[in-house]
C-alpha atoms as a PDB file:
ATOM      1  CA  MET A   1     145.476  25.215  75.979  1.00  0.00           C
ATOM      2  CA  GLY A   2     143.549  22.439  73.510  1.00  0.00           C
ATOM      3  CA  LEU A   3     143.531  23.035  70.121  1.00  0.00           C
ATOM      4  CA  PHE A   4     140.851  24.913  69.672  1.00  0.00           C
ATOM      5  CA  SER A   5     140.099  26.965  72.876  1.00  0.00           C
ATOM      6  CA  ARG A   6     140.861  30.851  72.720  1.00  0.00           C
ATOM      7  CA  SER A   7     142.136  32.472  76.228  1.00  0.00           C
ATOM      8  CA  GLN A   8     140.108  35.565  75.376  1.00  0.00           C
ATOM      9  CA  GLU A   9     136.243  35.365  75.609  1.00  0.00           C
ATOM     10  CA  LEU A  10     134.387  35.533  72.743  1.00  0.00           C
ATOM     11  CA  PRO A  11     133.268  38.921  71.140  1.00  0.00           C
ATOM     12  CA  PRO A  12     129.552  40.167  71.772  1.00  0.00           C
ATOM     13  CA  GLU A  13     128.802  40.986  68.034  1.00  0.00           C
ATOM     14  CA  LEU A  14     129.734  37.167  66.870  1.00  0.00           C
ATOM     15  CA  ARG A  15     128.122  35.271  70.383  1.00  0.00           C
ATOM     16  CA  ASP A  16     124.932  37.024  69.149  1.00  0.00           C
ATOM     17  CA  LEU A  17     125.503  36.038  65.630  1.00  0.00           C
ATOM     18  CA  LEU A  18     126.281  32.529  66.226  1.00  0.00           C
ATOM     19  CA  GLY A  19     123.016  32.339  68.868  1.00  0.00           C
ATOM     20  CA  GLY A  20     124.909  30.694  71.789  1.00  0.00           C
ATOM     21  CA  LYS A  21     126.593  28.386  69.695  1.00  0.00           C
ATOM     22  CA  ASN A  22     130.775  28.139  69.614  1.00  0.00           C
ATOM     23  CA  PRO A  23     133.121  28.280  66.493  1.00  0.00           C
ATOM     24  CA  LEU A  24     135.666  26.008  65.957  1.00  0.00           C
ATOM     25  CA  ALA A  25     138.017  29.113  65.649  1.00  0.00           C
ATOM     26  CA  TRP A  26     138.252  32.880  65.451  1.00  0.00           C
ATOM     27  CA  ALA A  27     140.092  35.690  65.063  1.00  0.00           C
ATOM     28  CA  HIS A  28     140.276  39.281  65.056  1.00  0.00           C
ATOM     29  CA  HIS A  29     140.504  41.120  61.612  1.00  0.00           C
ATOM     30  CA  SER A  30     141.000  44.299  60.862  1.00  0.00           C
ATOM     31  CA  GLY A  31     137.703  46.006  61.709  1.00  0.00           C
ATOM     32  CA  GLY A  32     136.082  42.720  63.263  1.00  0.00           C
ATOM     33  CA  VAL A  33     135.888  39.181  64.049  1.00  0.00           C
ATOM     34  CA  VAL A  34     135.888  36.022  61.419  1.00  0.00           C
ATOM     35  CA  ALA A  35     134.860  32.501  62.734  1.00  0.00           C
ATOM     36  CA  ALA A  36     134.856  29.358  61.697  1.00  0.00           C
ATOM     37  CA  THR A  37     132.075  27.177  62.394  1.00  0.00           C
ATOM     38  CA  ARG A  38     130.164  23.995  61.538  1.00  0.00           C
ATOM     39  CA  GLN A  39     128.327  25.365  59.153  1.00  0.00           C
ATOM     40  CA  GLY A  40     131.033  27.566  57.594  1.00  0.00           C
ATOM     41  CA  ILE A  41     132.161  30.923  57.168  1.00  0.00           C
ATOM     42  CA  VAL A  42     131.173  33.895  59.537  1.00  0.00           C
ATOM     43  CA  SER A  43     132.506  37.309  59.695  1.00  0.00           C
ATOM     44  CA  VAL A  44     131.219  40.508  61.467  1.00  0.00           C
ATOM     45  CA  ASP A  45     132.739  44.156  61.205  1.00  0.00           C
ATOM     46  CA  ASN A  46     130.995  47.742  61.721  1.00  0.00           C
ATOM     47  CA  HIS A  47     129.410  47.460  58.472  1.00  0.00           C
ATOM     48  CA  GLU A  48     127.982  43.975  57.645  1.00  0.00           C
ATOM     49  CA  SER A  49     128.116  40.559  58.894  1.00  0.00           C
ATOM     50  CA  LEU A  50     128.569  37.433  56.322  1.00  0.00           C
ATOM     51  CA  ALA A  51     127.633  34.069  56.364  1.00  0.00           C
ATOM     52  CA  LEU A  52     129.528  31.045  53.795  1.00  0.00           C
ATOM     53  CA  GLY A  53     128.320  27.725  54.361  1.00  0.00           C
ATOM     54  CA  TRP A  54     131.609  25.247  53.572  1.00  0.00           C
ATOM     55  CA  GLU A  55     129.627  24.721  50.456  1.00  0.00           C
ATOM     56  CA  ASP A  56     129.679  27.582  49.026  1.00  0.00           C
ATOM     57  CA  LEU A  57     133.954  27.513  49.175  1.00  0.00           C
ATOM     58  CA  ILE A  58     136.096  26.289  46.166  1.00  0.00           C
ATOM     59  CA  GLN A  59     139.664  27.586  47.441  1.00  0.00           C
ATOM     60  CA  ALA A  60     141.162  28.631  50.736  1.00  0.00           C
ATOM     61  CA  VAL A  61     144.336  30.905  50.376  1.00  0.00           C
ATOM     62  CA  TRP A  62     146.751  31.935  53.969  1.00  0.00           C
ATOM     63  CA  THR A  63     149.159  34.180  53.165  1.00  0.00           C
ATOM     64  CA  PRO A  64     149.957  35.685  57.144  1.00  0.00           C
ATOM     65  CA  PRO A  65     148.332  37.817  57.717  1.00  0.00           C
ATOM     66  CA  MET A  66     145.821  37.676  55.301  1.00  0.00           C
ATOM     67  CA  LEU A  67     142.835  35.007  54.997  1.00  0.00           C
ATOM     68  CA  SER A  68     140.962  34.743  51.432  1.00  0.00           C
ATOM     69  CA  VAL A  69     138.699  32.160  50.455  1.00  0.00           C
ATOM     70  CA  VAL A  70     136.641  31.965  46.888  1.00  0.00           C
ATOM     71  CA  SER A  71     133.003  31.626  46.845  1.00  0.00           C
ATOM     72  CA  ILE A  72     130.614  30.544  44.323  1.00  0.00           C
ATOM     73  CA  ARG A  73     127.001  31.855  44.239  1.00  0.00           C
ATOM     74  CA  ASP A  74     124.840  32.079  41.333  1.00  0.00           C
ATOM     75  CA  GLY A  75     127.601  30.484  39.428  1.00  0.00           C
ATOM     76  CA  ILE A  76     129.428  33.445  40.081  1.00  0.00           C
ATOM     77  CA  SER A  77     132.837  33.672  41.752  1.00  0.00           C
ATOM     78  CA  HIS A  78     133.148  36.064  44.970  1.00  0.00           C
ATOM     79  CA  THR A  79     137.143  36.421  46.673  1.00  0.00           C
ATOM     80  CA  HIS A  80     136.345  37.819  50.609  1.00  0.00           C
ATOM     81  CA  ALA A  81     139.535  38.569  52.524  1.00  0.00           C
ATOM     82  CA  TRP A  82     140.524  39.251  55.893  1.00  0.00           C
ATOM     83  CA  LEU A  83     143.512  40.422  57.967  1.00  0.00           C
ATOM     84  CA  LEU A  84     144.145  38.725  60.633  1.00  0.00           C
ATOM     85  CA  ASP A  85     145.646  40.305  64.031  1.00  0.00           C
ATOM     86  CA  GLU A  86     145.969  37.013  65.698  1.00  0.00           C
ATOM     87  CA  PRO A  87     145.366  33.952  63.377  1.00  0.00           C
ATOM     88  CA  ALA A  88     144.962  31.133  65.807  1.00  0.00           C
ATOM     89  CA  GLN A  89     143.418  28.209  64.105  1.00  0.00           C
ATOM     90  CA  VAL A  90     141.285  29.871  61.890  1.00  0.00           C
ATOM     91  CA  PRO A  91     143.327  29.453  59.074  1.00  0.00           C
ATOM     92  CA  ALA A  92     143.976  25.197  59.662  1.00  0.00           C
ATOM     93  CA  VAL A  93     140.341  25.030  60.516  1.00  0.00           C
ATOM     94  CA  VAL A  94     139.264  26.869  57.107  1.00  0.00           C
ATOM     95  CA  ARG A  95     141.919  24.757  55.076  1.00  0.00           C
ATOM     96  CA  ASP A  96     140.447  21.204  56.470  1.00  0.00           C
ATOM     97  CA  ARG A  97     137.164  21.939  56.123  1.00  0.00           C
ATOM     98  CA  VAL A  98     137.475  23.854  52.884  1.00  0.00           C
ATOM     99  CA  THR A  99     139.500  20.634  51.431  1.00  0.00           C
ATOM    100  CA  HIS A 100     137.014  18.432  52.673  1.00  0.00           C
ATOM    101  CA  SER A 101     134.368  20.377  50.846  1.00  0.00           C
ATOM    102  CA  VAL A 102     135.768  20.188  47.211  1.00  0.00           C
ATOM    103  CA  VAL A 103     135.998  16.610  45.063  1.00  0.00           C
ATOM    104  CA  ALA A 104     137.829  17.710  42.559  1.00  0.00           C
ATOM    105  CA  ASP A 105     139.022  20.923  40.872  1.00  0.00           C
ATOM    106  CA  HIS A 106     140.296  21.079  36.809  1.00  0.00           C
ATOM    107  CA  MET A 107     141.127  23.620  34.936  1.00  0.00           C
ATOM    108  CA  ARG A 108     141.045  23.832  31.095  1.00  0.00           C
ATOM    109  CA  THR A 109     141.762  25.472  28.303  1.00  0.00           C
ATOM    110  CA  PHE A 110     140.169  25.994  25.164  1.00  0.00           C
ATOM    111  CA  THR A 111     141.362  27.644  21.981  1.00  0.00           C
ATOM    112  CA  PRO A 112     140.010  29.425  20.708  1.00  0.00           C
ATOM    113  CA  GLY A 113     137.952  30.354  24.477  1.00  0.00           C
ATOM    114  CA  GLY A 114     139.942  30.492  27.293  1.00  0.00           C
ATOM    115  CA  VAL A 115     140.139  29.133  30.491  1.00  0.00           C
ATOM    116  CA  VAL A 116     137.445  27.599  32.564  1.00  0.00           C
ATOM    117  CA  GLN A 117     137.586  26.305  35.531  1.00  0.00           C
ATOM    118  CA  PHE A 118     135.416  23.169  36.833  1.00  0.00           C
ATOM    119  CA  VAL A 119     135.138  22.432  40.244  1.00  0.00           C
ATOM    120  CA  ALA A 120     132.692  19.456  41.888  1.00  0.00           C
ATOM    121  CA  ARG A 121     132.059  20.182  45.660  1.00  0.00           C
ATOM    122  CA  ARG A 122     130.081  18.502  48.325  1.00  0.00           C
ATOM    123  CA  VAL A 123     126.302  20.223  48.608  1.00  0.00           C
ATOM    124  CA  GLY A 124     124.232  18.345  51.005  1.00  0.00           C
ATOM    125  CA  SER A 125     124.779  14.806  50.402  1.00  0.00           C
ATOM    126  CA  GLY A 126     125.543  15.166  46.701  1.00  0.00           C
ATOM    127  CA  VAL A 127     128.152  16.499  44.729  1.00  0.00           C
ATOM    128  CA  GLU A 128     127.208  19.799  42.342  1.00  0.00           C
ATOM    129  CA  TRP A 129     129.668  20.479  39.496  1.00  0.00           C
ATOM    130  CA  VAL A 130     130.063  24.127  38.397  1.00  0.00           C
ATOM    131  CA  ALA A 131     132.040  25.493  36.041  1.00  0.00           C
ATOM    132  CA  LEU A 132     133.638  29.408  36.098  1.00  0.00           C
ATOM    133  CA  PRO A 133     134.872  30.616  32.259  1.00  0.00           C
ATOM    134  CA  HIS A 134     137.255  33.412  32.658  1.00  0.00           C
ATOM    135  CA  ASP A 135     135.672  34.561  29.321  1.00  0.00           C
ATOM    136  CA  GLN A 136     132.164  34.872  30.066  1.00  0.00           C
ATOM    137  CA  GLU A 137     131.143  36.070  26.076  1.00  0.00           C
ATOM    138  CA  TRP A 138     132.677  33.225  24.612  1.00  0.00           C
ATOM    139  CA  ALA A 139     131.240  31.350  27.250  1.00  0.00           C
ATOM    140  CA  ALA A 140     127.717  32.249  26.191  1.00  0.00           C
ATOM    141  CA  THR A 141     128.159  31.430  22.572  1.00  0.00           C
ATOM    142  CA  GLU A 142     127.163  28.328  21.034  1.00  0.00           C
ATOM    143  CA  ILE A 143     130.604  26.810  20.657  1.00  0.00           C
ATOM    144  CA  GLY A 144     131.451  27.691  24.314  1.00  0.00           C
ATOM    145  CA  ALA A 145     128.250  26.886  26.089  1.00  0.00           C
ATOM    146  CA  ARG A 146     128.688  22.950  23.895  1.00  0.00           C
ATOM    147  CA  SER A 147     132.750  23.107  24.555  1.00  0.00           C
ATOM    148  CA  ILE A 148     132.008  23.672  28.684  1.00  0.00           C
ATOM    149  CA  THR A 149     129.048  21.077  28.636  1.00  0.00           C
ATOM    150  CA  ASN A 150     131.234  18.428  26.713  1.00  0.00           C
ATOM    151  CA  GLU A 151     133.890  18.838  29.011  1.00  0.00           C
ATOM    152  CA  LEU A 152     132.086  18.843  32.055  1.00  0.00           C
ATOM    153  CA  ALA A 153     129.710  15.750  30.847  1.00  0.00           C
ATOM    154  CA  ASP A 154     133.605  13.770  30.148  1.00  0.00           C
ATOM    155  CA  LEU A 155     134.708  14.955  33.538  1.00  0.00           C
ATOM    156  CA  ARG A 156     131.705  13.641  35.185  1.00  0.00           C
ATOM    157  CA  ARG A 157     132.384  10.107  33.444  1.00  0.00           C
ATOM    158  CA  SER A 158     136.262   9.823  33.934  1.00  0.00           C
ATOM    159  CA  LEU A 159     136.189  10.425  37.762  1.00  0.00           C
ATOM    160  CA  GLY A 160     132.606   9.126  38.380  1.00  0.00           C
ATOM    161  CA  VAL A 161     131.200  11.936  40.216  1.00  0.00           C
END
């Protein structure tokens, strides 16, 4: 059996969602199926389907049997998690793809103000930075906004991205 092949047939709900394209890896999770594709992660269960592009993901954690990822949409982080029945290659493929899409990840503690996570990720043919402050109220103040902007400029300059 090859690295990305499975002995089981692709579940119909996943096959329909992927439009006949084969995933890189897939696994059953509690209530549905999750797959890693060339474009991102796709999950289908009884209630909904979810598609996350690799460019939206900043973190992946595999703590058997739980696979969790953190995505960024509109500057807000969201955690998604699946309890995988038989993980196969899903955790490895997700880790590799997320690692490839994140160019830089930097945590900075501001006093006062708290922690801000700065992430540079590949989006299309460029790099996009996002700042994720843990204290939204401080970040919305003039001092917070200026501190975050200055740190982001310093990071861009020092890392060259």
